[in-house]
Amino acid sequence: APILLRMDAAPRELRVASPWLGIAHAWALAYTGQMERARATLTQADRQLDGLPDDERDRAAGHIAAVRAYTVWVHGSQQSAVDLAESAAHLLPEDEIAVRALNLTTLGNSLNQYKADPCSIEVLEKAVELARQAGQSHVFMLAASALAYAYFGLGRLHKAYAVCMESIEAAEAYQLRNSQPFPSAASIYSELSSIFGEWGEIERSIQAARKGLALSELWGQADTIMICLLRLANALSLTHDFEGARKVIQRARKTAQKVSPWFV
C-alpha cells in the first residue's frame, strides 16, 4: 500500500518518538498481513504513552488494544481477541467512530471464530451503524461483510443476502461517482459467493468469488485475500473442478504461511 511505503520511508527515530505515528504504522502493517512487525511497532508505541495527557493516553491505548485485538484474531487466539476488543471498546472515546466500528467488527468476528455465536449479531449491527456514521466506506464494507457472515453462520441466508446487496449498491454508486472500482467491497462478494453456493446457484457463486478476489488483490488486505481465495476454492469444488480448486488452495496456503498459523 502506498501509505505503508511512505511510513516505512519515514526515519525510525521519528516513528519511535511519536506514538500516534507508530499506531498508524501498526494499523497499516496489520492490514497488509505483517503481524510480527505490527506487534513490535505497538510495543514501541506503548512505551511512549506515559508522555501523553490522560485523555489522549486512553485514546492511544484504545487504538493499541484495537490493533492488537485484530492481530490476535488473525492468529486464531479467540479469547485474547475478545478480551482486547472489549478493552478497546472501553478505552476509545465516543468521537473515534471509525475505529470503534473496526474494533466492534473484530469483536464480532472473534465471537464467530470457531462457531456461529448469536451474540455477534448485536455487536456487528452496532459496527455497521457506526460505520455508516463514520462515512468511511471501507470500514462499512468490513463491518457489513462480518454481519453477513454472522447471519450466514446462523442460517439466516436471506438476511445475509440483504446486507450484501445493500453494500454492493453502495460500492456500485462509488464506482459510478469515481470511475474506478471499490476494492474494499471484496469481502462482500466473498460472502455473496457463499450464499449463492448454498442456494445451488453455482455459476453466480463462482462469479462473485472471482470478483471478490480481483478486488481483494487491488486492496491488499491479507485476511480479505485469504477469505476470497477460500470462497473461490469452495465454489470451484461445487462444479467438480477439483484441479482448479486445488490450485486456489495452494495459493491460499502460500498467502497463509506469511500471515498466521490459523490461516494455514
Protein backbone atom coordinates (compact mmCIF):
# COMPACT_ATOMS: atom_id res chain seq x y z
CA ALA A 1 0.00 0.00 0.00
CA PRO A 2 1.33 3.48 -0.86
CA ILE A 3 0.70 4.79 2.65
CA LEU A 4 2.69 1.90 4.14
CA LEU A 5 5.61 2.62 1.81
CA ARG A 6 5.58 6.25 2.94
CA MET A 7 5.53 5.22 6.61
CA ASP A 8 8.36 2.73 6.09
CA ALA A 9 10.36 5.51 4.45
CA ALA A 10 10.00 7.81 7.49
CA PRO A 11 13.08 7.91 9.75
CA ARG A 12 12.87 5.27 12.50
CA GLU A 13 13.64 7.90 15.17
CA LEU A 14 10.53 9.84 14.09
CA ARG A 15 8.31 6.72 14.27
CA VAL A 16 9.74 5.78 17.68
CA ALA A 17 9.32 9.30 19.09
CA SER A 18 5.66 9.63 18.06
CA PRO A 19 3.19 7.10 19.50
CA TRP A 20 0.49 8.20 17.02
CA LEU A 21 2.75 7.65 14.03
CA GLY A 22 3.65 4.25 15.47
CA ILE A 23 -0.04 3.37 15.92
CA ALA A 24 -0.86 4.40 12.34
CA HIS A 25 2.09 2.35 11.12
CA ALA A 26 0.86 -0.68 13.13
CA TRP A 27 -2.63 -0.42 11.60
CA ALA A 28 -1.13 -0.41 8.09
CA LEU A 29 1.21 -3.32 8.87
CA ALA A 30 -1.58 -5.42 10.39
CA TYR A 31 -3.98 -4.91 7.49
CA THR A 32 -1.31 -5.97 4.99
CA GLY A 33 -0.63 -9.14 6.99
CA GLN A 34 2.71 -8.15 8.58
CA MET A 35 1.67 -9.21 12.07
CA GLU A 36 5.09 -9.57 13.71
CA ARG A 37 6.14 -6.09 12.59
CA ALA A 38 2.77 -4.71 13.72
CA ARG A 39 3.18 -6.23 17.19
CA ALA A 40 6.73 -4.88 17.55
CA THR A 41 5.55 -1.42 16.46
CA LEU A 42 2.72 -1.50 19.03
CA THR A 43 5.13 -2.46 21.80
CA GLN A 44 7.27 0.55 20.93
CA ALA A 45 4.22 2.87 20.79
CA ASP A 46 3.06 1.54 24.17
CA ARG A 47 6.30 2.74 25.74
CA GLN A 48 5.61 6.30 24.60
CA LEU A 49 2.16 6.63 26.20
CA ASP A 50 3.34 7.99 29.55
CA GLY A 51 4.31 11.26 27.89
CA LEU A 52 0.73 11.93 26.75
CA PRO A 53 -2.04 13.78 28.66
CA ASP A 54 -4.51 11.43 30.40
CA ASP A 55 -7.38 11.69 27.88
CA GLU A 56 -5.04 11.29 24.92
CA ARG A 57 -3.32 8.36 26.64
CA ASP A 58 -6.64 6.48 26.89
CA ARG A 59 -7.40 7.24 23.24
CA ALA A 60 -3.99 5.95 22.14
CA ALA A 61 -4.29 2.90 24.43
CA GLY A 62 -7.69 2.18 22.84
CA HIS A 63 -6.14 2.24 19.37
CA ILE A 64 -3.33 -0.05 20.50
CA ALA A 65 -5.79 -2.54 22.05
CA ALA A 66 -7.90 -2.45 18.87
CA VAL A 67 -4.93 -3.24 16.60
CA ARG A 68 -3.74 -5.95 19.00
CA ALA A 69 -7.23 -7.48 19.03
CA TYR A 70 -7.14 -7.68 15.24
CA THR A 71 -3.65 -9.25 15.18
CA VAL A 72 -4.53 -11.93 17.72
CA TRP A 73 -7.83 -12.69 15.95
CA VAL A 74 -5.84 -13.28 12.74
CA HIS A 75 -3.53 -15.51 14.80
CA GLY A 76 -6.51 -17.61 15.94
CA SER A 77 -6.43 -16.62 19.62
CA GLN A 78 -10.16 -16.15 20.09
CA GLN A 79 -10.41 -15.31 23.79
CA SER A 80 -7.46 -12.91 23.71
CA ALA A 81 -9.03 -11.15 20.72
CA VAL A 82 -12.38 -10.83 22.52
CA ASP A 83 -10.70 -9.51 25.70
CA LEU A 84 -8.58 -6.96 23.82
CA ALA A 85 -11.50 -5.78 21.67
CA GLU A 86 -13.67 -5.32 24.78
CA SER A 87 -10.82 -3.40 26.45
CA ALA A 88 -10.50 -1.17 23.36
CA ALA A 89 -14.26 -0.55 23.38
CA HIS A 90 -13.99 0.82 26.95
CA LEU A 91 -10.95 2.99 26.18
CA LEU A 92 -11.95 4.52 22.83
CA PRO A 93 -13.84 7.81 23.20
CA GLU A 94 -17.21 8.42 21.52
CA ASP A 95 -15.73 10.53 18.73
CA GLU A 96 -13.46 7.70 17.48
CA ILE A 97 -16.35 6.45 15.37
CA ALA A 98 -14.43 4.67 12.59
CA VAL A 99 -12.02 2.89 14.95
CA ARG A 100 -14.89 1.87 17.23
CA ALA A 101 -16.63 0.37 14.17
CA LEU A 102 -13.47 -1.52 13.16
CA ASN A 103 -12.96 -2.73 16.71
CA LEU A 104 -16.54 -4.00 17.02
CA THR A 105 -16.05 -5.76 13.68
CA THR A 106 -13.03 -7.54 15.16
CA LEU A 107 -15.06 -8.39 18.28
CA GLY A 108 -17.90 -9.83 16.19
CA ASN A 109 -15.50 -11.82 14.00
CA SER A 110 -13.75 -13.11 17.13
CA LEU A 111 -17.03 -14.29 18.65
CA ASN A 112 -17.69 -16.22 15.42
CA GLN A 113 -14.14 -17.52 15.03
CA TYR A 114 -14.79 -21.21 15.66
CA LYS A 115 -18.59 -21.46 15.62
CA ALA A 116 -21.53 -19.16 15.00
CA ASP A 117 -22.39 -17.06 18.06
CA PRO A 118 -25.80 -15.33 18.17
CA CYS A 119 -24.27 -12.63 20.45
CA SER A 120 -22.22 -11.43 17.49
CA ILE A 121 -25.29 -10.07 15.67
CA GLU A 122 -25.90 -7.17 18.06
CA VAL A 123 -22.17 -6.32 18.11
CA LEU A 124 -21.92 -6.30 14.31
CA GLU A 125 -25.17 -4.41 13.78
CA LYS A 126 -23.68 -1.70 16.03
CA ALA A 127 -20.45 -1.84 13.99
CA VAL A 128 -22.42 -1.28 10.76
CA GLU A 129 -24.36 1.59 12.35
CA LEU A 130 -21.13 3.28 13.48
CA ALA A 131 -19.52 2.68 10.07
CA ARG A 132 -22.44 4.47 8.41
CA GLN A 133 -21.95 7.40 10.79
CA ALA A 134 -18.20 7.46 10.11
CA GLY A 135 -18.81 7.84 6.39
CA GLN A 136 -15.73 5.71 5.62
CA SER A 137 -16.85 3.23 3.01
CA HIS A 138 -14.07 0.69 3.56
CA VAL A 139 -15.00 0.49 7.26
CA PHE A 140 -18.64 -0.04 6.30
CA MET A 141 -17.71 -2.87 3.89
CA LEU A 142 -15.69 -4.71 6.55
CA ALA A 143 -18.46 -4.37 9.14
CA ALA A 144 -21.22 -5.33 6.69
CA SER A 145 -19.37 -8.41 5.41
CA ALA A 146 -18.79 -9.54 9.01
CA LEU A 147 -22.51 -9.12 9.72
CA ALA A 148 -23.42 -11.06 6.54
CA TYR A 149 -21.03 -13.84 7.64
CA ALA A 150 -22.66 -13.92 11.09
CA TYR A 151 -26.16 -14.18 9.60
CA PHE A 152 -24.95 -16.90 7.22
CA GLY A 153 -23.43 -18.89 10.07
CA LEU A 154 -26.76 -18.83 11.89
CA GLY A 155 -28.64 -20.00 8.78
CA ARG A 156 -30.28 -16.62 8.14
CA LEU A 157 -29.34 -16.52 4.46
CA HIS A 158 -31.94 -14.00 3.32
CA LYS A 159 -30.75 -11.53 5.97
CA ALA A 160 -27.15 -12.13 4.87
CA TYR A 161 -28.15 -11.57 1.23
CA ALA A 162 -29.94 -8.30 2.07
CA VAL A 163 -26.80 -6.98 3.82
CA CYS A 164 -24.66 -7.94 0.82
CA MET A 165 -26.99 -6.30 -1.72
CA GLU A 166 -27.17 -3.02 0.25
CA SER A 167 -23.37 -2.98 0.36
CA ILE A 168 -22.98 -3.78 -3.34
CA GLU A 169 -25.35 -0.93 -4.21
CA ALA A 170 -23.10 1.41 -2.20
CA ALA A 171 -19.98 0.03 -3.92
CA GLU A 172 -21.51 0.44 -7.39
CA ALA A 173 -22.56 4.02 -6.57
CA TYR A 174 -18.96 4.73 -5.51
CA GLN A 175 -17.68 3.24 -8.78
CA LEU A 176 -20.04 5.42 -10.83
CA ARG A 177 -19.04 8.57 -8.93
CA ASN A 178 -15.30 7.94 -9.07
CA SER A 179 -14.93 5.95 -12.31
CA GLN A 180 -12.89 3.30 -10.53
CA PRO A 181 -13.59 0.05 -8.67
CA PHE A 182 -14.05 -0.02 -4.90
CA PRO A 183 -11.57 -2.66 -3.64
CA SER A 184 -12.85 -2.98 -0.07
CA ALA A 185 -16.13 -4.39 -1.43
CA ALA A 186 -14.14 -7.62 -1.97
CA SER A 187 -15.29 -9.12 1.34
CA ILE A 188 -18.95 -8.55 0.42
CA TYR A 189 -18.58 -10.50 -2.83
CA SER A 190 -16.93 -13.34 -0.91
CA GLU A 191 -19.96 -13.62 1.38
CA LEU A 192 -22.30 -13.40 -1.61
CA SER A 193 -20.40 -16.32 -3.16
CA SER A 194 -21.14 -18.46 -0.09
CA ILE A 195 -24.84 -17.56 -0.22
CA PHE A 196 -25.17 -18.41 -3.92
CA GLY A 197 -23.32 -21.68 -3.31
CA GLU A 198 -25.73 -22.62 -0.53
CA TRP A 199 -28.67 -21.82 -2.82
CA GLY A 200 -27.23 -24.02 -5.60
CA GLU A 201 -26.54 -21.06 -7.92
CA ILE A 202 -23.05 -22.30 -8.71
CA GLU A 203 -22.12 -20.06 -11.66
CA ARG A 204 -23.16 -16.97 -9.71
CA SER A 205 -21.16 -18.26 -6.75
CA ILE A 206 -18.02 -18.54 -8.91
CA GLN A 207 -18.58 -15.12 -10.49
CA ALA A 208 -18.97 -13.46 -7.09
CA ALA A 209 -15.87 -15.23 -5.74
CA ARG A 210 -13.77 -14.19 -8.76
CA LYS A 211 -14.94 -10.59 -8.48
CA GLY A 212 -14.17 -10.58 -4.76
CA LEU A 213 -10.69 -11.99 -5.35
CA ALA A 214 -9.89 -9.45 -8.08
CA LEU A 215 -10.95 -6.59 -5.78
CA SER A 216 -9.06 -8.04 -2.80
CA GLU A 217 -5.86 -8.15 -4.85
CA LEU A 218 -6.30 -4.46 -5.68
CA TRP A 219 -6.80 -3.70 -1.98
CA GLY A 220 -4.07 -5.88 -0.50
CA GLN A 221 -5.68 -6.62 2.87
CA ALA A 222 -4.38 -10.02 3.96
CA ASP A 223 -7.40 -11.66 5.57
CA THR A 224 -9.75 -10.49 2.80
CA ILE A 225 -7.49 -12.08 0.16
CA MET A 226 -7.49 -15.31 2.20
CA ILE A 227 -11.28 -15.38 2.52
CA CYS A 228 -11.78 -14.66 -1.19
CA LEU A 229 -9.38 -17.47 -2.17
CA LEU A 230 -11.22 -19.93 0.08
CA ARG A 231 -14.63 -18.89 -1.27
CA LEU A 232 -13.37 -19.39 -4.84
CA ALA A 233 -11.98 -22.84 -3.96
CA ASN A 234 -15.35 -23.80 -2.45
CA ALA A 235 -17.26 -22.52 -5.48
CA LEU A 236 -15.00 -24.37 -7.93
CA SER A 237 -15.37 -27.60 -5.95
CA LEU A 238 -19.16 -27.35 -6.33
CA THR A 239 -18.69 -27.68 -10.11
CA HIS A 240 -16.33 -30.66 -9.52
CA ASP A 241 -13.41 -28.55 -10.81
CA PHE A 242 -11.17 -30.13 -8.19
CA GLU A 243 -7.93 -29.31 -10.04
CA GLY A 244 -8.90 -25.62 -10.19
CA ALA A 245 -9.88 -25.69 -6.51
CA ARG A 246 -6.59 -27.38 -5.59
CA LYS A 247 -4.57 -24.65 -7.34
CA VAL A 248 -6.50 -21.94 -5.49
CA ILE A 249 -5.94 -23.72 -2.16
CA GLN A 250 -2.20 -23.97 -2.89
CA ARG A 251 -2.13 -20.24 -3.48
CA ALA A 252 -4.13 -19.64 -0.30
CA ARG A 253 -1.64 -21.76 1.66
CA LYS A 254 1.29 -19.66 0.41
CA THR A 255 -0.51 -16.49 1.50
CA ALA A 256 -1.45 -18.05 4.85
CA GLN A 257 2.11 -19.04 5.69
CA LYS A 258 3.16 -15.39 5.53
CA VAL A 259 0.41 -14.27 7.91
CA SER A 260 -0.60 -16.74 10.65
CA PRO A 261 -0.84 -20.39 11.72
CA TRP A 262 -4.62 -20.05 11.99
CA PHE A 263 -4.86 -19.12 8.32
CA VAL A 264 -2.83 -22.24 7.49
